[in-house]
Amino acid sequence: MGFIVSKAVGNAVTRNRVKRRLRHLVAEQLTAAPVGCGFVVRALPAAATASAGLSTDLAGAWQQSVRRLGSKVGHARGLDAQGLQTRGTTP
């Protein structure tokens, strides 16, 4: 898990506060992550002042990323959205 919090977010105290908040929120989402995958979370300047919205935005982005990652992994393995093999099958 990696975090990118640029100086545009604020001074060092603000950036560290945003990283701590993100670290706490990501810990709750890690159970939904595929094994062996890494994620990078980039904080935008609005994250410095966001309160409840940060949790909602992160949860939505996390679910979308996991869903996209799952479809790409499944497609590479020849699986459809339900995990059923679609190519290379023999009767």
N, C-alpha and C. Protein backbone atom coordinates (compact mmCIF):
# COMPACT_ATOMS: atom_id res chain seq x y z
N MET A 1 0.85 -1.16 0.00
CA MET A 1 0.00 0.00 0.00
C MET A 1 0.89 1.22 0.00
N GLY A 2 0.61 2.14 -0.91
CA GLY A 2 1.38 3.37 -0.97
C GLY A 2 0.47 4.58 -0.98
N PHE A 3 1.00 5.69 -0.49
CA PHE A 3 0.24 6.94 -0.44
C PHE A 3 1.06 8.04 -1.09
N ILE A 4 0.40 8.85 -1.90
CA ILE A 4 1.02 10.02 -2.50
C ILE A 4 0.25 11.22 -2.00
N VAL A 5 0.93 12.06 -1.24
CA VAL A 5 0.33 13.28 -0.70
C VAL A 5 1.30 14.41 -0.99
N SER A 6 1.02 15.18 -2.03
CA SER A 6 1.95 16.22 -2.45
C SER A 6 1.84 17.47 -1.58
N LYS A 7 2.76 18.38 -1.81
CA LYS A 7 2.76 19.65 -1.08
C LYS A 7 1.54 20.50 -1.39
N ALA A 8 0.88 20.21 -2.49
CA ALA A 8 -0.34 20.95 -2.84
C ALA A 8 -1.44 20.70 -1.83
N VAL A 9 -1.36 19.60 -1.08
CA VAL A 9 -2.37 19.28 -0.07
C VAL A 9 -2.24 20.21 1.13
N GLY A 10 -1.05 20.61 1.45
CA GLY A 10 -0.84 21.52 2.58
C GLY A 10 0.55 21.38 3.15
N ASN A 11 0.75 21.95 4.34
CA ASN A 11 2.06 21.87 4.96
C ASN A 11 2.29 20.45 5.50
N ALA A 12 3.45 20.22 6.13
CA ALA A 12 3.81 18.88 6.57
C ALA A 12 2.82 18.31 7.57
N VAL A 13 2.33 19.15 8.47
CA VAL A 13 1.37 18.68 9.47
C VAL A 13 0.08 18.21 8.79
N THR A 14 -0.39 18.98 7.85
CA THR A 14 -1.63 18.64 7.13
C THR A 14 -1.44 17.37 6.30
N ARG A 15 -0.31 17.28 5.60
CA ARG A 15 -0.04 16.08 4.78
C ARG A 15 0.02 14.83 5.65
N ASN A 16 0.68 14.92 6.79
CA ASN A 16 0.76 13.75 7.67
C ASN A 16 -0.61 13.39 8.24
N ARG A 17 -1.43 14.37 8.54
CA ARG A 17 -2.78 14.10 9.03
C ARG A 17 -3.60 13.38 7.96
N VAL A 18 -3.48 13.84 6.72
CA VAL A 18 -4.20 13.20 5.61
C VAL A 18 -3.71 11.76 5.45
N LYS A 19 -2.41 11.53 5.52
CA LYS A 19 -1.88 10.17 5.39
C LYS A 19 -2.38 9.26 6.51
N ARG A 20 -2.42 9.78 7.73
CA ARG A 20 -2.93 8.97 8.86
C ARG A 20 -4.39 8.61 8.64
N ARG A 21 -5.19 9.58 8.20
CA ARG A 21 -6.61 9.31 7.94
C ARG A 21 -6.77 8.28 6.84
N LEU A 22 -6.00 8.43 5.77
CA LEU A 22 -6.09 7.48 4.66
C LEU A 22 -5.63 6.09 5.10
N ARG A 23 -4.57 6.02 5.87
CA ARG A 23 -4.07 4.73 6.36
C ARG A 23 -5.14 4.02 7.18
N HIS A 24 -5.83 4.76 8.01
CA HIS A 24 -6.90 4.19 8.83
C HIS A 24 -8.06 3.69 7.94
N LEU A 25 -8.45 4.49 6.96
CA LEU A 25 -9.56 4.13 6.09
C LEU A 25 -9.21 2.94 5.20
N VAL A 26 -7.96 2.88 4.72
CA VAL A 26 -7.55 1.78 3.85
C VAL A 26 -7.48 0.48 4.62
N ALA A 27 -7.11 0.54 5.88
CA ALA A 27 -7.03 -0.69 6.69
C ALA A 27 -8.37 -1.41 6.71
N GLU A 28 -9.46 -0.65 6.70
CA GLU A 28 -10.79 -1.25 6.69
C GLU A 28 -11.11 -1.91 5.34
N GLN A 29 -10.50 -1.43 4.27
CA GLN A 29 -10.80 -1.93 2.93
C GLN A 29 -9.89 -3.07 2.48
N LEU A 30 -8.79 -3.31 3.17
CA LEU A 30 -7.80 -4.29 2.72
C LEU A 30 -8.34 -5.70 2.62
N THR A 31 -9.39 -6.02 3.36
CA THR A 31 -9.94 -7.37 3.28
C THR A 31 -10.57 -7.64 1.92
N ALA A 32 -10.96 -6.58 1.21
CA ALA A 32 -11.58 -6.75 -0.10
C ALA A 32 -10.56 -6.76 -1.23
N ALA A 33 -9.28 -6.61 -0.90
CA ALA A 33 -8.24 -6.56 -1.93
C ALA A 33 -7.80 -7.97 -2.31
N PRO A 34 -7.58 -8.19 -3.60
CA PRO A 34 -7.06 -9.49 -4.02
C PRO A 34 -5.67 -9.73 -3.44
N VAL A 35 -5.36 -10.96 -3.14
CA VAL A 35 -4.07 -11.31 -2.57
C VAL A 35 -2.96 -11.02 -3.57
N GLY A 36 -1.89 -10.43 -3.11
CA GLY A 36 -0.74 -10.17 -3.96
C GLY A 36 -0.82 -8.89 -4.76
N CYS A 37 -1.83 -8.08 -4.56
CA CYS A 37 -1.98 -6.83 -5.30
C CYS A 37 -1.56 -5.66 -4.44
N GLY A 38 -0.97 -4.67 -5.08
CA GLY A 38 -0.61 -3.45 -4.39
C GLY A 38 -1.46 -2.31 -4.90
N PHE A 39 -1.71 -1.33 -4.06
CA PHE A 39 -2.50 -0.17 -4.42
C PHE A 39 -1.75 1.09 -4.05
N VAL A 40 -1.98 2.14 -4.81
CA VAL A 40 -1.44 3.46 -4.49
C VAL A 40 -2.61 4.42 -4.41
N VAL A 41 -2.68 5.17 -3.31
CA VAL A 41 -3.74 6.14 -3.11
C VAL A 41 -3.11 7.52 -3.22
N ARG A 42 -3.63 8.33 -4.11
CA ARG A 42 -3.14 9.69 -4.31
C ARG A 42 -4.15 10.66 -3.73
N ALA A 43 -3.71 11.47 -2.78
CA ALA A 43 -4.59 12.45 -2.14
C ALA A 43 -4.59 13.74 -2.95
N LEU A 44 -5.76 14.23 -3.26
CA LEU A 44 -5.90 15.52 -3.92
C LEU A 44 -5.95 16.62 -2.86
N PRO A 45 -5.71 17.86 -3.23
CA PRO A 45 -5.73 18.96 -2.25
C PRO A 45 -7.01 19.04 -1.43
N ALA A 46 -8.13 18.65 -1.99
CA ALA A 46 -9.41 18.71 -1.26
C ALA A 46 -9.44 17.74 -0.08
N ALA A 47 -8.54 16.76 -0.06
CA ALA A 47 -8.52 15.79 1.04
C ALA A 47 -8.15 16.43 2.37
N ALA A 48 -7.48 17.58 2.31
CA ALA A 48 -7.07 18.26 3.55
C ALA A 48 -8.27 18.77 4.33
N THR A 49 -9.34 19.13 3.66
CA THR A 49 -10.51 19.70 4.33
C THR A 49 -11.71 18.76 4.33
N ALA A 50 -11.61 17.64 3.63
CA ALA A 50 -12.73 16.69 3.57
C ALA A 50 -12.88 15.98 4.90
N SER A 51 -14.10 15.78 5.32
CA SER A 51 -14.31 15.05 6.57
C SER A 51 -14.94 13.69 6.26
N ALA A 52 -16.24 13.58 6.26
CA ALA A 52 -16.92 12.32 5.99
C ALA A 52 -16.82 11.95 4.52
N GLY A 53 -16.66 12.91 3.66
CA GLY A 53 -16.58 12.66 2.23
C GLY A 53 -15.36 11.84 1.85
N LEU A 54 -14.29 11.97 2.60
CA LEU A 54 -13.08 11.23 2.30
C LEU A 54 -13.32 9.72 2.41
N SER A 55 -14.01 9.32 3.44
CA SER A 55 -14.32 7.90 3.64
C SER A 55 -15.19 7.36 2.51
N THR A 56 -16.21 8.13 2.14
CA THR A 56 -17.12 7.71 1.08
C THR A 56 -16.40 7.64 -0.27
N ASP A 57 -15.60 8.66 -0.57
CA ASP A 57 -14.86 8.67 -1.83
C ASP A 57 -13.87 7.52 -1.92
N LEU A 58 -13.16 7.26 -0.83
CA LEU A 58 -12.19 6.18 -0.84
C LEU A 58 -12.88 4.83 -1.00
N ALA A 59 -13.97 4.61 -0.30
CA ALA A 59 -14.70 3.33 -0.40
C ALA A 59 -15.19 3.10 -1.83
N GLY A 60 -15.72 4.13 -2.46
CA GLY A 60 -16.20 3.99 -3.84
C GLY A 60 -15.08 3.71 -4.81
N ALA A 61 -13.99 4.45 -4.68
CA ALA A 61 -12.84 4.25 -5.56
C ALA A 61 -12.22 2.87 -5.34
N TRP A 62 -12.18 2.44 -4.09
CA TRP A 62 -11.60 1.14 -3.77
C TRP A 62 -12.42 0.02 -4.42
N GLN A 63 -13.74 0.09 -4.27
CA GLN A 63 -14.60 -0.95 -4.86
C GLN A 63 -14.48 -0.97 -6.37
N GLN A 64 -14.41 0.20 -6.98
CA GLN A 64 -14.27 0.27 -8.43
C GLN A 64 -12.93 -0.32 -8.87
N SER A 65 -11.87 -0.03 -8.15
CA SER A 65 -10.55 -0.57 -8.50
C SER A 65 -10.51 -2.08 -8.37
N VAL A 66 -11.06 -2.60 -7.28
CA VAL A 66 -11.07 -4.05 -7.08
C VAL A 66 -11.91 -4.72 -8.16
N ARG A 67 -13.04 -4.11 -8.50
CA ARG A 67 -13.91 -4.68 -9.54
C ARG A 67 -13.18 -4.70 -10.89
N ARG A 68 -12.51 -3.60 -11.24
CA ARG A 68 -11.76 -3.55 -12.50
C ARG A 68 -10.60 -4.53 -12.50
N LEU A 69 -9.92 -4.60 -11.39
CA LEU A 69 -8.79 -5.52 -11.28
C LEU A 69 -9.26 -6.96 -11.42
N GLY A 70 -10.37 -7.28 -10.80
CA GLY A 70 -10.91 -8.63 -10.89
C GLY A 70 -11.29 -9.01 -12.30
N SER A 71 -11.86 -8.07 -13.06
CA SER A 71 -12.24 -8.38 -14.43
C SER A 71 -11.02 -8.52 -15.32
N LYS A 72 -9.97 -7.75 -15.07
CA LYS A 72 -8.76 -7.88 -15.88
C LYS A 72 -8.03 -9.17 -15.58
N VAL A 73 -7.96 -9.54 -14.33
CA VAL A 73 -7.31 -10.79 -13.95
C VAL A 73 -8.09 -11.97 -14.52
N GLY A 74 -9.40 -11.91 -14.40
CA GLY A 74 -10.24 -12.99 -14.93
C GLY A 74 -10.12 -13.09 -16.43
N HIS A 75 -10.08 -11.94 -17.12
CA HIS A 75 -9.97 -11.94 -18.58
C HIS A 75 -8.64 -12.54 -19.01
N ALA A 76 -7.57 -12.21 -18.30
CA ALA A 76 -6.26 -12.75 -18.64
C ALA A 76 -6.19 -14.25 -18.43
N ARG A 77 -6.98 -14.75 -17.49
CA ARG A 77 -7.01 -16.19 -17.22
C ARG A 77 -8.04 -16.91 -18.07
N GLY A 78 -8.77 -16.18 -18.90
CA GLY A 78 -9.80 -16.79 -19.72
C GLY A 78 -11.09 -17.03 -18.97
N LEU A 79 -11.41 -16.16 -18.00
CA LEU A 79 -12.62 -16.30 -17.22
C LEU A 79 -13.58 -15.17 -17.53
N ASP A 80 -14.87 -15.44 -17.45
CA ASP A 80 -15.85 -14.37 -17.63
C ASP A 80 -16.11 -13.72 -16.27
N ALA A 81 -17.07 -12.83 -16.21
CA ALA A 81 -17.34 -12.07 -14.98
C ALA A 81 -17.73 -12.96 -13.81
N GLN A 82 -18.31 -14.12 -14.07
CA GLN A 82 -18.71 -15.02 -12.99
C GLN A 82 -17.60 -16.00 -12.63
N GLY A 83 -16.44 -15.90 -13.29
CA GLY A 83 -15.34 -16.79 -12.98
C GLY A 83 -15.39 -18.10 -13.76
N LEU A 84 -16.23 -18.17 -14.80
CA LEU A 84 -16.33 -19.37 -15.61
C LEU A 84 -15.36 -19.28 -16.77
N GLN A 85 -14.72 -20.38 -17.08
CA GLN A 85 -13.72 -20.37 -18.15
C GLN A 85 -14.41 -20.16 -19.50
N THR A 86 -13.85 -19.24 -20.31
CA THR A 86 -14.47 -18.92 -21.58
C THR A 86 -13.63 -19.31 -22.78
N ARG A 87 -12.34 -19.58 -22.58
CA ARG A 87 -11.53 -19.99 -23.71
C ARG A 87 -10.59 -21.10 -23.28
N GLY A 88 -10.15 -21.84 -24.23
CA GLY A 88 -9.25 -22.93 -23.94
C GLY A 88 -9.92 -24.10 -23.24
N THR A 89 -11.24 -24.18 -23.37
CA THR A 89 -11.96 -25.27 -22.70
C THR A 89 -11.97 -26.49 -23.60
N THR A 90 -11.93 -27.63 -22.98
CA THR A 90 -12.09 -28.88 -23.72
C THR A 90 -13.25 -29.63 -23.13
N PRO A 91 -14.11 -30.21 -23.98
CA PRO A 91 -15.29 -30.90 -23.46
C PRO A 91 -14.96 -32.17 -22.73
